[in-house]
PDB file of all heavy atoms in Angstrom:
ATOM      1  N   ASP A   1      78.425-128.135 -62.403  1.00  0.00           N
ATOM      2  CA  ASP A   1      78.754-128.915 -63.598  1.00  0.00           C
ATOM      3  C   ASP A   1      79.678-130.129 -63.290  1.00  0.00           C
ATOM      4  O   ASP A   1      79.958-130.918 -64.160  1.00  0.00           O
ATOM      5  CB  ASP A   1      79.431-127.993 -64.639  1.00  0.00           C
ATOM      6  CG  ASP A   1      80.736-127.395 -64.129  1.00  0.00           C
ATOM      7  OD1 ASP A   1      80.859-127.124 -62.956  1.00  0.00           O
ATOM      8  OD2 ASP A   1      81.571-127.157 -65.059  1.00  0.00           O
ATOM      9  N   LYS A   2      80.091-130.275 -62.073  1.00  0.00           N
ATOM     10  CA  LYS A   2      80.952-131.346 -61.671  1.00  0.00           C
ATOM     11  C   LYS A   2      80.232-132.436 -60.962  1.00  0.00           C
ATOM     12  O   LYS A   2      80.827-133.417 -60.449  1.00  0.00           O
ATOM     13  CB  LYS A   2      82.131-130.847 -60.798  1.00  0.00           C
ATOM     14  CG  LYS A   2      83.028-129.870 -61.536  1.00  0.00           C
ATOM     15  CD  LYS A   2      83.641-130.417 -62.815  1.00  0.00           C
ATOM     16  CE  LYS A   2      84.497-129.386 -63.558  1.00  0.00           C
ATOM     17  NZ  LYS A   2      84.953-129.832 -64.887  1.00  0.00           N
ATOM     18  N   ILE A   3      78.947-132.286 -60.790  1.00  0.00           N
ATOM     19  CA  ILE A   3      78.138-133.400 -60.140  1.00  0.00           C
ATOM     20  C   ILE A   3      78.294-134.608 -61.057  1.00  0.00           C
ATOM     21  O   ILE A   3      78.183-134.571 -62.219  1.00  0.00           O
ATOM     22  CB  ILE A   3      76.617-133.031 -60.060  1.00  0.00           C
ATOM     23  CG1 ILE A   3      76.494-131.893 -59.020  1.00  0.00           C
ATOM     24  CG2 ILE A   3      75.795-134.142 -59.636  1.00  0.00           C
ATOM     25  CD1 ILE A   3      75.138-131.237 -58.945  1.00  0.00           C
ATOM     26  N   GLY A   4      78.706-135.704 -60.400  1.00  0.00           N
ATOM     27  CA  GLY A   4      78.887-136.984 -61.131  1.00  0.00           C
ATOM     28  C   GLY A   4      80.382-137.199 -61.564  1.00  0.00           C
ATOM     29  O   GLY A   4      80.724-138.282 -61.987  1.00  0.00           O
ATOM     30  N   ALA A   5      81.205-136.091 -61.366  1.00  0.00           N
ATOM     31  CA  ALA A   5      82.603-136.218 -61.766  1.00  0.00           C
ATOM     32  C   ALA A   5      83.406-136.893 -60.592  1.00  0.00           C
ATOM     33  O   ALA A   5      82.991-136.878 -59.401  1.00  0.00           O
ATOM     34  CB  ALA A   5      83.176-134.857 -62.031  1.00  0.00           C
ATOM     35  N   TYR A   6      84.563-137.442 -60.931  1.00  0.00           N
ATOM     36  CA  TYR A   6      85.384-138.094 -59.933  1.00  0.00           C
ATOM     37  C   TYR A   6      86.602-137.246 -59.691  1.00  0.00           C
ATOM     38  O   TYR A   6      87.057-136.487 -60.586  1.00  0.00           O
ATOM     39  CB  TYR A   6      85.874-139.476 -60.459  1.00  0.00           C
ATOM     40  CG  TYR A   6      84.728-140.390 -60.537  1.00  0.00           C
ATOM     41  CD1 TYR A   6      83.892-140.509 -61.695  1.00  0.00           C
ATOM     42  CD2 TYR A   6      84.390-141.304 -59.477  1.00  0.00           C
ATOM     43  CE1 TYR A   6      82.844-141.432 -61.744  1.00  0.00           C
ATOM     44  CE2 TYR A   6      83.310-142.132 -59.528  1.00  0.00           C
ATOM     45  CZ  TYR A   6      82.536-142.186 -60.648  1.00  0.00           C
ATOM     46  OH  TYR A   6      81.466-143.052 -60.734  1.00  0.00           O
ATOM     47  N   PRO A   7      87.273-137.232 -58.467  1.00  0.00           N
ATOM     48  CA  PRO A   7      88.390-136.391 -58.144  1.00  0.00           C
ATOM     49  C   PRO A   7      89.476-136.333 -59.166  1.00  0.00           C
ATOM     50  O   PRO A   7      90.029-135.300 -59.544  1.00  0.00           O
ATOM     51  CB  PRO A   7      88.816-136.918 -56.813  1.00  0.00           C
ATOM     52  CG  PRO A   7      87.556-137.430 -56.177  1.00  0.00           C
ATOM     53  CD  PRO A   7      86.790-138.065 -57.315  1.00  0.00           C
ATOM     54  N   PRO A   8      89.893-137.458 -59.755  1.00  0.00           N
ATOM     55  CA  PRO A   8      91.009-137.386 -60.796  1.00  0.00           C
ATOM     56  C   PRO A   8      90.649-136.491 -62.046  1.00  0.00           C
ATOM     57  O   PRO A   8      91.523-136.087 -62.744  1.00  0.00           O
ATOM     58  CB  PRO A   8      91.222-138.876 -61.172  1.00  0.00           C
ATOM     59  CG  PRO A   8      90.776-139.645 -60.057  1.00  0.00           C
ATOM     60  CD  PRO A   8      89.509-138.889 -59.508  1.00  0.00           C
ATOM     61  N   GLU A   9      89.414-136.273 -62.236  1.00  0.00           N
ATOM     62  CA  GLU A   9      88.925-135.490 -63.399  1.00  0.00           C
ATOM     63  C   GLU A   9      88.983-133.958 -63.033  1.00  0.00           C
ATOM     64  O   GLU A   9      88.648-133.127 -63.915  1.00  0.00           O
ATOM     65  CB  GLU A   9      87.547-135.863 -63.804  1.00  0.00           C
ATOM     66  CG  GLU A   9      87.363-137.297 -64.185  1.00  0.00           C
ATOM     67  CD  GLU A   9      85.953-137.785 -64.273  1.00  0.00           C
ATOM     68  OE1 GLU A   9      84.991-137.010 -64.000  1.00  0.00           O
ATOM     69  OE2 GLU A   9      85.749-138.917 -64.740  1.00  0.00           O
ATOM     70  N   LEU A  10      89.331-133.653 -61.818  1.00  0.00           N
ATOM     71  CA  LEU A  10      89.205-132.208 -61.353  1.00  0.00           C
ATOM     72  C   LEU A  10      90.608-131.598 -61.280  1.00  0.00           C
ATOM     73  O   LEU A  10      91.612-132.318 -61.033  1.00  0.00           O
ATOM     74  CB  LEU A  10      88.612-132.119 -59.991  1.00  0.00           C
ATOM     75  CG  LEU A  10      87.197-132.821 -59.836  1.00  0.00           C
ATOM     76  CD1 LEU A  10      86.732-132.699 -58.390  1.00  0.00           C
ATOM     77  CD2 LEU A  10      86.204-132.120 -60.769  1.00  0.00           C
ATOM     78  N   SER A  11      90.656-130.232 -61.355  1.00  0.00           N
ATOM     79  CA  SER A  11      91.903-129.529 -61.109  1.00  0.00           C
ATOM     80  C   SER A  11      92.172-129.553 -59.574  1.00  0.00           C
ATOM     81  O   SER A  11      91.355-129.884 -58.759  1.00  0.00           O
ATOM     82  CB  SER A  11      91.822-128.070 -61.621  1.00  0.00           C
ATOM     83  OG  SER A  11      90.884-127.367 -60.721  1.00  0.00           O
ATOM     84  N   GLY A  12      93.348-129.094 -59.184  1.00  0.00           N
ATOM     85  CA  GLY A  12      93.722-129.025 -57.742  1.00  0.00           C
ATOM     86  C   GLY A  12      92.773-128.084 -56.999  1.00  0.00           C
ATOM     87  O   GLY A  12      92.271-128.377 -55.887  1.00  0.00           O
ATOM     88  N   GLY A  13      92.423-126.944 -57.599  1.00  0.00           N
ATOM     89  CA  GLY A  13      91.528-125.997 -56.967  1.00  0.00           C
ATOM     90  C   GLY A  13      90.146-126.526 -56.800  1.00  0.00           C
ATOM     91  O   GLY A  13      89.469-126.373 -55.740  1.00  0.00           O
ATOM     92  N   GLN A  14      89.615-127.306 -57.758  1.00  0.00           N
ATOM     93  CA  GLN A  14      88.385-127.938 -57.758  1.00  0.00           C
ATOM     94  C   GLN A  14      88.343-129.064 -56.655  1.00  0.00           C
ATOM     95  O   GLN A  14      87.406-129.153 -55.917  1.00  0.00           O
ATOM     96  CB  GLN A  14      87.961-128.534 -59.118  1.00  0.00           C
ATOM     97  CG  GLN A  14      87.687-127.427 -60.102  1.00  0.00           C
ATOM     98  CD  GLN A  14      87.561-127.996 -61.497  1.00  0.00           C
ATOM     99  OE1 GLN A  14      88.156-129.036 -61.851  1.00  0.00           O
ATOM    100  NE2 GLN A  14      86.786-127.298 -62.370  1.00  0.00           N
ATOM    101  N   GLN A  15      89.390-129.798 -56.599  1.00  0.00           N
ATOM    102  CA  GLN A  15      89.473-130.849 -55.519  1.00  0.00           C
ATOM    103  C   GLN A  15      89.414-130.255 -54.173  1.00  0.00           C
ATOM    104  O   GLN A  15      88.829-130.752 -53.245  1.00  0.00           O
ATOM    105  CB  GLN A  15      90.775-131.707 -55.748  1.00  0.00           C
ATOM    106  CG  GLN A  15      90.690-132.653 -56.931  1.00  0.00           C
ATOM    107  CD  GLN A  15      91.894-133.509 -57.025  1.00  0.00           C
ATOM    108  OE1 GLN A  15      92.248-134.148 -56.060  1.00  0.00           O
ATOM    109  NE2 GLN A  15      92.490-133.540 -58.162  1.00  0.00           N
ATOM    110  N   GLN A  16      90.151-129.078 -54.002  1.00  0.00           N
ATOM    111  CA  GLN A  16      90.105-128.456 -52.741  1.00  0.00           C
ATOM    112  C   GLN A  16      88.747-127.873 -52.373  1.00  0.00           C
ATOM    113  O   GLN A  16      88.341-127.928 -51.212  1.00  0.00           O
ATOM    114  CB  GLN A  16      91.187-127.316 -52.704  1.00  0.00           C
ATOM    115  CG  GLN A  16      91.517-126.770 -51.322  1.00  0.00           C
ATOM    116  CD  GLN A  16      92.065-127.722 -50.326  1.00  0.00           C
ATOM    117  OE1 GLN A  16      91.431-128.815 -50.076  1.00  0.00           O
ATOM    118  NE2 GLN A  16      93.271-127.444 -49.950  1.00  0.00           N
ATOM    119  N   ARG A  17      88.048-127.414 -53.367  1.00  0.00           N
ATOM    120  CA  ARG A  17      86.618-126.977 -53.110  1.00  0.00           C
ATOM    121  C   ARG A  17      85.780-128.150 -52.655  1.00  0.00           C
ATOM    122  O   ARG A  17      84.939-128.027 -51.761  1.00  0.00           O
ATOM    123  CB  ARG A  17      86.038-126.247 -54.303  1.00  0.00           C
ATOM    124  CG  ARG A  17      86.550-124.868 -54.428  1.00  0.00           C
ATOM    125  CD  ARG A  17      85.798-124.109 -55.491  1.00  0.00           C
ATOM    126  NE  ARG A  17      86.420-124.336 -56.744  1.00  0.00           N
ATOM    127  CZ  ARG A  17      85.971-124.017 -57.921  1.00  0.00           C
ATOM    128  NH1 ARG A  17      84.802-123.461 -58.080  1.00  0.00           N
ATOM    129  NH2 ARG A  17      86.626-124.234 -59.043  1.00  0.00           N
ATOM    130  N   VAL A  18      85.982-129.321 -53.231  1.00  0.00           N
ATOM    131  CA  VAL A  18      85.213-130.498 -52.860  1.00  0.00           C
ATOM    132  C   VAL A  18      85.597-130.846 -51.389  1.00  0.00           C
ATOM    133  O   VAL A  18      84.728-131.175 -50.590  1.00  0.00           O
ATOM    134  CB  VAL A  18      85.500-131.623 -53.830  1.00  0.00           C
ATOM    135  CG1 VAL A  18      84.921-133.002 -53.242  1.00  0.00           C
ATOM    136  CG2 VAL A  18      84.908-131.410 -55.190  1.00  0.00           C
ATOM    137  N   ALA A  19      86.925-130.772 -51.073  1.00  0.00           N
ATOM    138  CA  ALA A  19      87.343-131.099 -49.735  1.00  0.00           C
ATOM    139  C   ALA A  19      86.736-130.128 -48.705  1.00  0.00           C
ATOM    140  O   ALA A  19      86.405-130.511 -47.598  1.00  0.00           O
ATOM    141  CB  ALA A  19      88.880-131.077 -49.698  1.00  0.00           C
ATOM    142  N   ILE A  20      86.656-128.841 -49.109  1.00  0.00           N
ATOM    143  CA  ILE A  20      86.074-127.816 -48.164  1.00  0.00           C
ATOM    144  C   ILE A  20      84.598-128.113 -48.056  1.00  0.00           C
ATOM    145  O   ILE A  20      84.029-128.021 -46.896  1.00  0.00           O
ATOM    146  CB  ILE A  20      86.303-126.408 -48.729  1.00  0.00           C
ATOM    147  CG1 ILE A  20      87.832-126.086 -48.591  1.00  0.00           C
ATOM    148  CG2 ILE A  20      85.458-125.378 -47.985  1.00  0.00           C
ATOM    149  CD1 ILE A  20      88.280-124.829 -49.296  1.00  0.00           C
ATOM    150  N   ALA A  21      83.882-128.465 -49.055  1.00  0.00           N
ATOM    151  CA  ALA A  21      82.449-128.780 -49.000  1.00  0.00           C
ATOM    152  C   ALA A  21      82.236-129.980 -48.100  1.00  0.00           C
ATOM    153  O   ALA A  21      81.372-130.049 -47.285  1.00  0.00           O
ATOM    154  CB  ALA A  21      81.900-129.088 -50.457  1.00  0.00           C
ATOM    155  N   ARG A  22      83.151-131.003 -48.210  1.00  0.00           N
ATOM    156  CA  ARG A  22      83.012-132.159 -47.317  1.00  0.00           C
ATOM    157  C   ARG A  22      83.210-131.714 -45.822  1.00  0.00           C
ATOM    158  O   ARG A  22      82.522-132.177 -44.978  1.00  0.00           O
ATOM    159  CB  ARG A  22      84.129-133.182 -47.700  1.00  0.00           C
ATOM    160  CG  ARG A  22      84.067-134.425 -46.849  1.00  0.00           C
ATOM    161  CD  ARG A  22      85.200-135.415 -47.118  1.00  0.00           C
ATOM    162  NE  ARG A  22      86.468-134.708 -46.996  1.00  0.00           N
ATOM    163  CZ  ARG A  22      87.585-135.136 -47.553  1.00  0.00           C
ATOM    164  NH1 ARG A  22      87.595-136.232 -48.345  1.00  0.00           N
ATOM    165  NH2 ARG A  22      88.717-134.506 -47.414  1.00  0.00           N
ATOM    166  N   ALA A  23      84.145-130.838 -45.616  1.00  0.00           N
ATOM    167  CA  ALA A  23      84.353-130.365 -44.190  1.00  0.00           C
ATOM    168  C   ALA A  23      83.210-129.573 -43.717  1.00  0.00           C
ATOM    169  O   ALA A  23      83.016-129.477 -42.443  1.00  0.00           O
ATOM    170  CB  ALA A  23      85.668-129.503 -44.176  1.00  0.00           C
ATOM    171  N   MET A  24      82.423-128.956 -44.577  1.00  0.00           N
ATOM    172  CA  MET A  24      81.317-128.019 -44.155  1.00  0.00           C
ATOM    173  C   MET A  24      79.922-128.734 -44.234  1.00  0.00           C
ATOM    174  O   MET A  24      78.987-128.116 -43.685  1.00  0.00           O
ATOM    175  CB  MET A  24      81.319-126.801 -45.018  1.00  0.00           C
ATOM    176  CG  MET A  24      82.608-126.008 -44.956  1.00  0.00           C
ATOM    177  SD  MET A  24      82.509-124.560 -45.905  1.00  0.00           S
ATOM    178  CE  MET A  24      81.974-123.452 -44.530  1.00  0.00           C
ATOM    179  N   VAL A  25      79.802-129.813 -44.857  1.00  0.00           N
ATOM    180  CA  VAL A  25      78.497-130.398 -45.161  1.00  0.00           C
ATOM    181  C   VAL A  25      77.625-130.595 -43.911  1.00  0.00           C
ATOM    182  O   VAL A  25      76.451-130.503 -43.952  1.00  0.00           O
ATOM    183  CB  VAL A  25      78.643-131.657 -46.031  1.00  0.00           C
ATOM    184  CG1 VAL A  25      79.139-132.895 -45.230  1.00  0.00           C
ATOM    185  CG2 VAL A  25      77.284-131.995 -46.708  1.00  0.00           C
ATOM    186  N   HIS A  26      78.263-130.875 -42.843  1.00  0.00           N
ATOM    187  CA  HIS A  26      77.574-131.219 -41.600  1.00  0.00           C
ATOM    188  C   HIS A  26      77.481-129.957 -40.706  1.00  0.00           C
ATOM    189  O   HIS A  26      77.101-130.100 -39.484  1.00  0.00           O
ATOM    190  CB  HIS A  26      78.129-132.471 -40.860  1.00  0.00           C
ATOM    191  CG  HIS A  26      79.598-132.283 -40.446  1.00  0.00           C
ATOM    192  ND1 HIS A  26      80.641-132.111 -41.361  1.00  0.00           N
ATOM    193  CD2 HIS A  26      80.191-132.316 -39.251  1.00  0.00           C
ATOM    194  CE1 HIS A  26      81.768-132.015 -40.732  1.00  0.00           C
ATOM    195  NE2 HIS A  26      81.460-132.184 -39.377  1.00  0.00           N
ATOM    196  N   THR A  27      77.868-128.805 -41.168  1.00  0.00           N
ATOM    197  CA  THR A  27      77.789-127.534 -40.480  1.00  0.00           C
ATOM    198  C   THR A  27      78.468-127.626 -39.070  1.00  0.00           C
ATOM    199  O   THR A  27      77.806-127.433 -38.037  1.00  0.00           O
ATOM    200  CB  THR A  27      76.337-127.026 -40.339  1.00  0.00           C
ATOM    201  OG1 THR A  27      75.656-127.223 -41.531  1.00  0.00           O
ATOM    202  CG2 THR A  27      76.271-125.529 -40.023  1.00  0.00           C
ATOM    203  N   PRO A  28      79.751-127.936 -39.105  1.00  0.00           N
ATOM    204  CA  PRO A  28      80.434-128.015 -37.792  1.00  0.00           C
ATOM    205  C   PRO A  28      80.682-126.664 -37.188  1.00  0.00           C
ATOM    206  O   PRO A  28      80.531-125.620 -37.936  1.00  0.00           O
ATOM    207  CB  PRO A  28      81.781-128.622 -38.197  1.00  0.00           C
ATOM    208  CG  PRO A  28      82.009-128.147 -39.558  1.00  0.00           C
ATOM    209  CD  PRO A  28      80.619-128.126 -40.195  1.00  0.00           C
ATOM    210  N   SER A  29      80.974-126.591 -35.894  1.00  0.00           N
ATOM    211  CA  SER A  29      81.240-125.327 -35.289  1.00  0.00           C
ATOM    212  C   SER A  29      82.724-124.862 -35.512  1.00  0.00           C
ATOM    213  O   SER A  29      83.083-123.684 -35.341  1.00  0.00           O
ATOM    214  CB  SER A  29      80.927-125.344 -33.803  1.00  0.00           C
ATOM    215  OG  SER A  29      81.651-126.431 -33.184  1.00  0.00           O
ATOM    216  N   LEU A  30      83.601-125.859 -35.863  1.00  0.00           N
ATOM    217  CA  LEU A  30      84.997-125.579 -36.017  1.00  0.00           C
ATOM    218  C   LEU A  30      85.463-126.359 -37.270  1.00  0.00           C
ATOM    219  O   LEU A  30      85.167-127.481 -37.502  1.00  0.00           O
ATOM    220  CB  LEU A  30      85.863-126.084 -34.820  1.00  0.00           C
ATOM    221  CG  LEU A  30      87.308-126.125 -34.979  1.00  0.00           C
ATOM    222  CD1 LEU A  30      87.892-124.678 -35.088  1.00  0.00           C
ATOM    223  CD2 LEU A  30      87.945-126.770 -33.763  1.00  0.00           C
ATOM    224  N   ILE A  31      86.278-125.578 -38.118  1.00  0.00           N
ATOM    225  CA  ILE A  31      86.913-126.268 -39.304  1.00  0.00           C
ATOM    226  C   ILE A  31      88.431-125.985 -39.172  1.00  0.00           C
ATOM    227  O   ILE A  31      88.813-124.831 -38.868  1.00  0.00           O
ATOM    228  CB  ILE A  31      86.426-125.710 -40.599  1.00  0.00           C
ATOM    229  CG1 ILE A  31      84.939-126.098 -40.810  1.00  0.00           C
ATOM    230  CG2 ILE A  31      87.294-126.243 -41.770  1.00  0.00           C
ATOM    231  CD1 ILE A  31      84.367-125.643 -42.108  1.00  0.00           C
ATOM    232  N   VAL A  32      89.253-127.048 -39.231  1.00  0.00           N
ATOM    233  CA  VAL A  32      90.636-126.913 -39.196  1.00  0.00           C
ATOM    234  C   VAL A  32      91.226-127.217 -40.583  1.00  0.00           C
ATOM    235  O   VAL A  32      90.762-128.244 -41.291  1.00  0.00           O
ATOM    236  CB  VAL A  32      91.328-127.763 -38.144  1.00  0.00           C
ATOM    237  CG1 VAL A  32      90.988-127.259 -36.770  1.00  0.00           C
ATOM    238  CG2 VAL A  32      90.954-129.228 -38.248  1.00  0.00           C
ATOM    239  N   CYS A  33      92.098-126.339 -41.114  1.00  0.00           N
ATOM    240  CA  CYS A  33      92.705-126.491 -42.436  1.00  0.00           C
ATOM    241  C   CYS A  33      94.187-126.593 -42.313  1.00  0.00           C
ATOM    242  O   CYS A  33      94.809-125.676 -41.835  1.00  0.00           O
ATOM    243  CB  CYS A  33      92.329-125.354 -43.336  1.00  0.00           C
ATOM    244  SG  CYS A  33      90.581-125.007 -43.599  1.00  0.00           S
TER     245      CYS A  33
END
């Protein structure tokens, strides 16, 4: 339901989920948080 939304429109938890999705989108072998 957030497709098309911009980061300022999201809660902190939602922004963090977007950040995690960005870190995972290319299926890396290592993620650092």
